[in-house]
Every structure is written in structure tokens, then in C-alpha cells.
Protein backbone atom coordinates (compact mmCIF):
# COMPACT_ATOMS: atom_id res chain seq x y z
CA UNK A 1 0.19 0.61 -0.02
CA UNK A 2 2.59 2.33 0.90
CA UNK A 3 6.44 2.29 -0.67
CA UNK A 4 8.22 3.05 2.47
CA UNK A 5 6.40 1.44 5.44
CA UNK A 6 6.49 3.48 8.83
CA UNK A 7 4.70 3.51 12.15
CA UNK A 8 2.50 6.28 11.16
CA UNK A 9 1.60 4.54 8.06
CA UNK A 10 1.34 1.09 9.45
CA UNK A 11 -1.28 2.46 11.68
CA UNK A 12 -3.43 4.15 8.92
CA UNK A 13 -3.64 0.72 7.22
CA UNK A 14 -4.54 -1.25 10.04
CA UNK A 15 -7.85 1.56 10.22
CA UNK A 16 -6.23 4.15 12.56
CA UNK A 17 -5.96 3.98 16.60
CA UNK A 18 -9.25 3.32 18.77
CA UNK A 19 -10.50 5.85 21.26
CA UNK A 20 -8.39 4.24 24.20
CA UNK A 21 -5.06 3.85 22.43
CA UNK A 22 -2.37 4.72 24.73
CA UNK A 23 0.40 5.93 21.94
CA UNK A 24 2.90 6.84 25.14
CA UNK A 25 2.89 3.24 26.23
CA UNK A 26 3.51 1.96 22.30
CA UNK A 27 5.91 -1.09 22.55
CA UNK A 28 7.59 -1.75 19.09
CA UNK A 29 9.83 -4.70 19.28
CA UNK A 30 12.44 -5.76 16.37
CA UNK A 31 14.24 -8.83 15.81
CA UNK A 32 17.79 -7.09 14.79
CA UNK A 33 17.74 -4.88 17.63
CA UNK A 34 17.04 -7.82 20.41
CA UNK A 35 19.84 -9.72 18.29
CA UNK A 36 22.10 -7.00 19.07
CA UNK A 37 21.04 -6.74 22.52
CA UNK A 38 21.77 -10.18 23.34
CA UNK A 39 25.16 -9.91 22.11
CA UNK A 40 25.74 -6.55 24.41
CA UNK A 41 23.83 -8.32 27.19
CA UNK A 42 25.95 -11.50 27.01
CA UNK A 43 29.08 -9.20 27.13
CA UNK A 44 27.83 -7.34 30.22
CA UNK A 45 26.91 -10.47 31.97
CA UNK A 46 30.36 -11.78 31.59
CA UNK A 47 32.07 -8.52 32.65
CA UNK A 48 29.86 -8.41 35.64
CA UNK A 49 30.50 -12.41 36.51
CA UNK A 50 34.47 -11.58 36.38
CA UNK A 51 33.57 -8.37 38.69
CA UNK A 52 31.93 -10.84 40.91
CA UNK A 53 34.60 -13.35 41.25
CA UNK A 54 36.96 -10.55 42.14
CA UNK A 55 34.93 -9.31 44.94
CA UNK A 56 34.05 -12.53 46.26
CA UNK A 57 38.07 -13.36 46.53
CA UNK A 58 38.98 -10.10 48.03
CA UNK A 59 38.42 -9.43 51.67
CA UNK A 60 36.40 -6.96 52.86
CA UNK A 61 39.65 -6.90 55.74
CA UNK A 62 43.17 -7.83 54.89
CA UNK A 63 43.90 -8.52 58.20
CA UNK A 64 41.25 -10.53 58.86
CA UNK A 65 40.35 -12.66 55.83
CA UNK A 66 36.69 -14.31 55.48
CA UNK A 67 36.94 -17.78 56.22
CA UNK A 68 36.09 -20.36 53.84
CA UNK A 69 32.31 -20.58 53.99
CA UNK A 70 31.69 -17.07 54.30
CA UNK A 71 33.63 -17.06 50.74
CA UNK A 72 31.41 -20.32 49.98
CA UNK A 73 28.22 -18.66 50.66
CA UNK A 74 29.18 -15.37 48.86
CA UNK A 75 30.31 -17.51 45.74
CA UNK A 76 26.54 -19.35 45.73
CA UNK A 77 24.77 -16.09 46.03
CA UNK A 78 26.70 -14.37 43.25
CA UNK A 79 26.10 -17.35 40.88
CA UNK A 80 22.48 -17.75 41.72
CA UNK A 81 22.18 -13.88 40.48
CA UNK A 82 24.13 -14.69 37.19
CA UNK A 83 22.30 -17.84 36.75
CA UNK A 84 18.46 -15.57 36.87
CA UNK A 85 20.17 -12.59 35.07
CA UNK A 86 21.25 -15.16 32.33
CA UNK A 87 17.60 -16.67 32.19
CA UNK A 88 15.90 -12.85 31.50
CA UNK A 89 14.60 -12.92 27.66
CA UNK A 90 15.77 -9.77 26.00
CA UNK A 91 12.57 -7.98 23.77
CA UNK A 92 14.74 -5.85 21.15
CA UNK A 93 12.35 -2.91 22.21
CA UNK A 94 13.29 0.27 20.80
CA UNK A 95 12.71 2.90 22.92
CA UNK A 96 10.42 5.31 21.26
CA UNK A 97 11.14 9.27 22.07
CA UNK A 98 7.03 9.75 22.82
CA UNK A 99 5.55 12.74 24.60
CA UNK A 100 3.23 11.53 27.36
CA UNK A 101 0.35 13.59 25.83
CA UNK A 102 1.46 11.99 21.91
CA UNK A 103 -1.72 11.44 19.84
CA UNK A 104 0.21 9.91 16.78
CA UNK A 105 3.40 7.68 16.47
CA UNK A 106 6.69 9.01 14.30
CA UNK A 107 7.38 8.35 11.11
CA UNK A 108 9.86 5.49 11.87
CA UNK A 109 10.99 2.77 9.28
CA UNK A 110 9.70 -0.63 9.50
CA UNK A 111 11.43 -3.89 9.22
CA UNK A 112 10.28 -7.19 8.19
CA UNK A 113 9.43 -8.93 11.20
CA UNK A 114 8.29 -5.48 13.73
CA UNK A 115 5.82 -6.19 15.95
CA UNK A 116 3.74 -3.16 17.30
CA UNK A 117 1.72 -3.18 20.51
CA UNK A 118 -0.30 -0.47 21.39
CA UNK A 119 -2.11 -0.74 24.61
CA UNK A 120 -5.34 1.12 26.14
CA UNK A 121 -4.31 3.47 28.81
CA UNK A 122 -3.23 1.80 32.16
CA UNK A 123 -4.64 2.94 35.46
CA UNK A 124 -2.07 1.35 37.66
CA UNK A 125 1.75 1.74 38.51
CA UNK A 126 3.48 -1.12 39.47
CA UNK A 127 6.16 -1.05 42.23
CA UNK A 128 8.84 -4.00 42.39
CA UNK A 129 11.85 -4.93 44.35
CA UNK A 130 12.49 -4.39 47.83
CA UNK A 131 9.28 -3.12 49.28
CA UNK A 132 7.24 -4.16 51.95
CA UNK A 133 4.23 -5.05 49.45
CA UNK A 134 4.71 -5.74 45.30
CA UNK A 135 2.27 -4.66 43.24
CA UNK A 136 0.35 -2.16 41.21
CA UNK A 137 -1.46 0.55 42.48
CA UNK A 138 -3.92 2.83 41.06
CA UNK A 139 -2.55 5.56 39.72
CA UNK A 140 -3.48 9.21 41.22
CA UNK A 141 -3.17 12.07 39.29
CA UNK A 142 -0.51 14.41 40.95
CA UNK A 143 1.14 12.19 42.90
CA UNK A 144 5.00 11.65 42.92
CA UNK A 145 6.81 8.22 42.65
CA UNK A 146 7.42 8.22 46.46
CA UNK A 147 4.05 8.65 47.16
CA UNK A 148 3.45 5.26 44.81
CA UNK A 149 5.99 3.48 47.06
CA UNK A 150 4.32 4.72 50.47
CA UNK A 151 1.33 2.88 49.04
CA UNK A 152 3.71 -0.44 48.90
CA UNK A 153 4.85 -0.11 52.09
CA UNK A 154 7.97 2.14 51.12
CA UNK A 155 11.77 0.41 51.16
CA UNK A 156 12.45 -2.09 53.42
CA UNK A 157 15.06 -2.04 55.57
CA UNK A 158 17.51 -3.91 53.23
CA UNK A 159 16.91 -1.74 50.03
CA UNK A 160 19.11 0.65 48.16
CA UNK A 161 16.30 3.27 47.90
CA UNK A 162 19.36 5.85 46.89
CA UNK A 163 19.25 2.87 43.63
CA UNK A 164 15.71 3.33 42.66
CA UNK A 165 14.49 4.07 39.18
CA UNK A 166 11.35 4.25 37.12
CA UNK A 167 10.78 2.55 33.73
CA UNK A 168 8.40 5.06 32.12
CA UNK A 169 5.79 3.27 29.61
CA UNK A 170 7.70 4.41 26.68
CA UNK A 171 10.63 2.43 27.99
CA UNK A 172 12.64 5.36 29.12
CA UNK A 173 14.17 5.37 32.69
CA UNK A 174 14.39 8.19 35.69
CA UNK A 175 16.54 6.97 38.27
CA UNK A 176 17.40 8.42 41.88
CA UNK A 177 21.10 8.30 40.77
CA UNK A 178 20.37 10.75 37.72
CA UNK A 179 19.08 13.13 40.10
CA UNK A 180 21.54 13.28 43.46
CA UNK A 181 24.48 14.83 43.61
CA UNK A 182 25.66 11.95 46.12
CA UNK A 183 26.45 8.35 45.59
CA UNK A 184 24.45 6.98 49.18
CA UNK A 185 21.42 8.14 50.20
CA UNK A 186 18.69 6.53 52.29
CA UNK A 187 16.11 8.13 50.45
CA UNK A 188 14.77 7.28 46.81
CA UNK A 189 15.08 11.22 45.93
CA UNK A 190 12.23 10.99 43.45
CA UNK A 191 9.96 12.78 45.69
CA UNK A 192 10.09 15.66 42.96
CA UNK A 193 9.00 13.08 39.90
CA UNK A 194 5.33 13.28 38.70
CA UNK A 195 4.45 9.16 38.56
CA UNK A 196 2.63 8.38 34.81
CA UNK A 197 0.48 5.93 34.13
CA UNK A 198 1.88 2.81 33.07
CA UNK A 199 5.14 3.51 35.54
CA UNK A 200 7.44 0.41 36.62
CA UNK A 201 8.86 1.54 40.00
CA UNK A 202 11.86 -0.48 41.22
CA UNK A 203 13.82 -0.47 44.49
CA UNK A 204 16.64 -2.68 44.53
CA UNK A 205 18.26 -4.62 47.27
CA UNK A 206 21.35 -3.25 49.04
CA UNK A 207 23.67 -5.82 48.43
CA UNK A 208 26.06 -4.09 50.74
CA UNK A 209 23.95 -5.59 53.72
CA UNK A 210 23.67 -9.03 52.54
CA UNK A 211 26.35 -11.30 50.88
CA UNK A 212 28.15 -9.00 48.39
CA UNK A 213 30.18 -6.01 48.43
CA UNK A 214 29.04 -2.93 47.07
CA UNK A 215 30.73 -3.18 43.55
CA UNK A 216 27.82 -6.16 42.84
CA UNK A 217 24.80 -3.84 42.63
CA UNK A 218 25.74 -2.44 39.25
CA UNK A 219 23.59 -5.05 37.93
CA UNK A 220 20.46 -2.64 38.19
CA UNK A 221 22.44 -0.89 35.62
CA UNK A 222 22.42 -3.75 33.34
CA UNK A 223 18.59 -4.44 33.48
CA UNK A 224 17.18 -0.72 32.83
CA UNK A 225 19.88 -0.43 30.24
CA UNK A 226 18.56 -3.40 28.06
CA UNK A 227 14.70 -2.10 28.76
CA UNK A 228 13.37 -5.01 30.97
CA UNK A 229 10.23 -5.23 31.94
CA UNK A 230 8.32 -5.59 35.48
CA UNK A 231 8.14 -9.25 35.36
CA UNK A 232 12.09 -9.69 34.43
CA UNK A 233 12.86 -7.29 37.08
CA UNK A 234 10.59 -9.10 39.82
CA UNK A 235 11.89 -12.35 39.29
CA UNK A 236 15.39 -11.03 39.98
CA UNK A 237 14.17 -10.26 43.39
CA UNK A 238 12.15 -13.41 44.19
């Protein structure tokens, strides 16, 4: 029908959008992107695995090296986390730069096999990770990210609140560290960030309080850099 298929033209060919379409939450998945993501993801996991090995072998106190049981437990914990990360399936999502109030899709050229999903407007915000009650909560206009976290009971004592982040419905990410001048924080620093319908809020566990030293918590950056969804994030907490 059209010589150069684009997102906009494909919607026209399908009869247009329904009144309830949530353009901001559109998800475009592409196989060529998935393949490239998978290669990058596996490389990142290999680097992380190497870092874990160095962390496990390095004593926290050179004057009092860790006993064999502590080293073994730390190594088993790092292996479990790597195994869960390897089980995550990438989708090849292309993050579309769309405004929350957008009423149309951009003129992005399509490839064979592209999959475009346009959901209905969501009414909830997901809260996952180290909070007291993970789940989906009814979105309230004007609520901040911290307001939505409070509905889930807030971060637990073992949470790394300063590394919390939000995955927007369009795939963009807003993180505490983007908004904080300091590395460590006892709060999320997201009180000034407005929640949006379809948000996924994730509070990672503070791995300095369990079996890893601090370098290990960088797995959160790997996750949101690859646009993984709420199900994948939550599976790593369980």
C-alpha cells in the first residue's frame, strides 16, 4: 500500500487508532535489535561475572580474611544472581521518544518482522523490588513516585533506596542517581518526580547488606539499560 512502510503509515493501513489507545506506551520490538541487545547483554554479564569473582575473592578486611564458609556463601549467592540474569529474555524493544500526551506515532521506518503493540491507557503503577508489598497500585493524578512507593509500604531496611529507578511506559528510565549529587542516600530522591500511568518503579536490594560488597549492585544498571520489563525485574528479587 505504501512504498516506504513506517509506524504512522502502518497504523493508517490497520484502520487507525481506537479512542482508548495509549500512544505513550507503544512498544516496538525488532529482531535485529534483539540480536544486538543479546550480544551486548551477554558481554555485560561476562564482565559482571568477572567482577563478582574478584569481589568474592577479595577480603573486606585484609587483616582478617573471610573464612571459607563466608567465601562459599558469597560465591553461591553471586552464582544464583548470574543464573537469574542469564534466564532473562530480551525483547529487542526500541524506545520511542514520545511525549506522554502524544496522539500519533513517529514516521519511523519499519523492518520485516517488526511487532508493534499499542496498549489501552493503564490505570495503575507497578512497584517492585525491596518494598514491603510489591504489586500494582491505582494511579492517582498528581502523585509523585515516592507517593506510589508509600502505597507499597516504602523501601525495606535491606533496600538500596538511593538506586531506585522508574521505567516509564515508553521505555525511558528515570533513576535516583540522575537526580542525586551523592552516591549514597537513605531516600529515593524521587519525591519531585511525577508518577505516570503505566510506570514501573523498582527499588533494588542493597547488596552491601547481604553477601556481596558494593560493586555487585551494578546489576541494576544492566537491567534498565536493556529495557527489561517489570516481570523480569521482579523475578530477580524472588
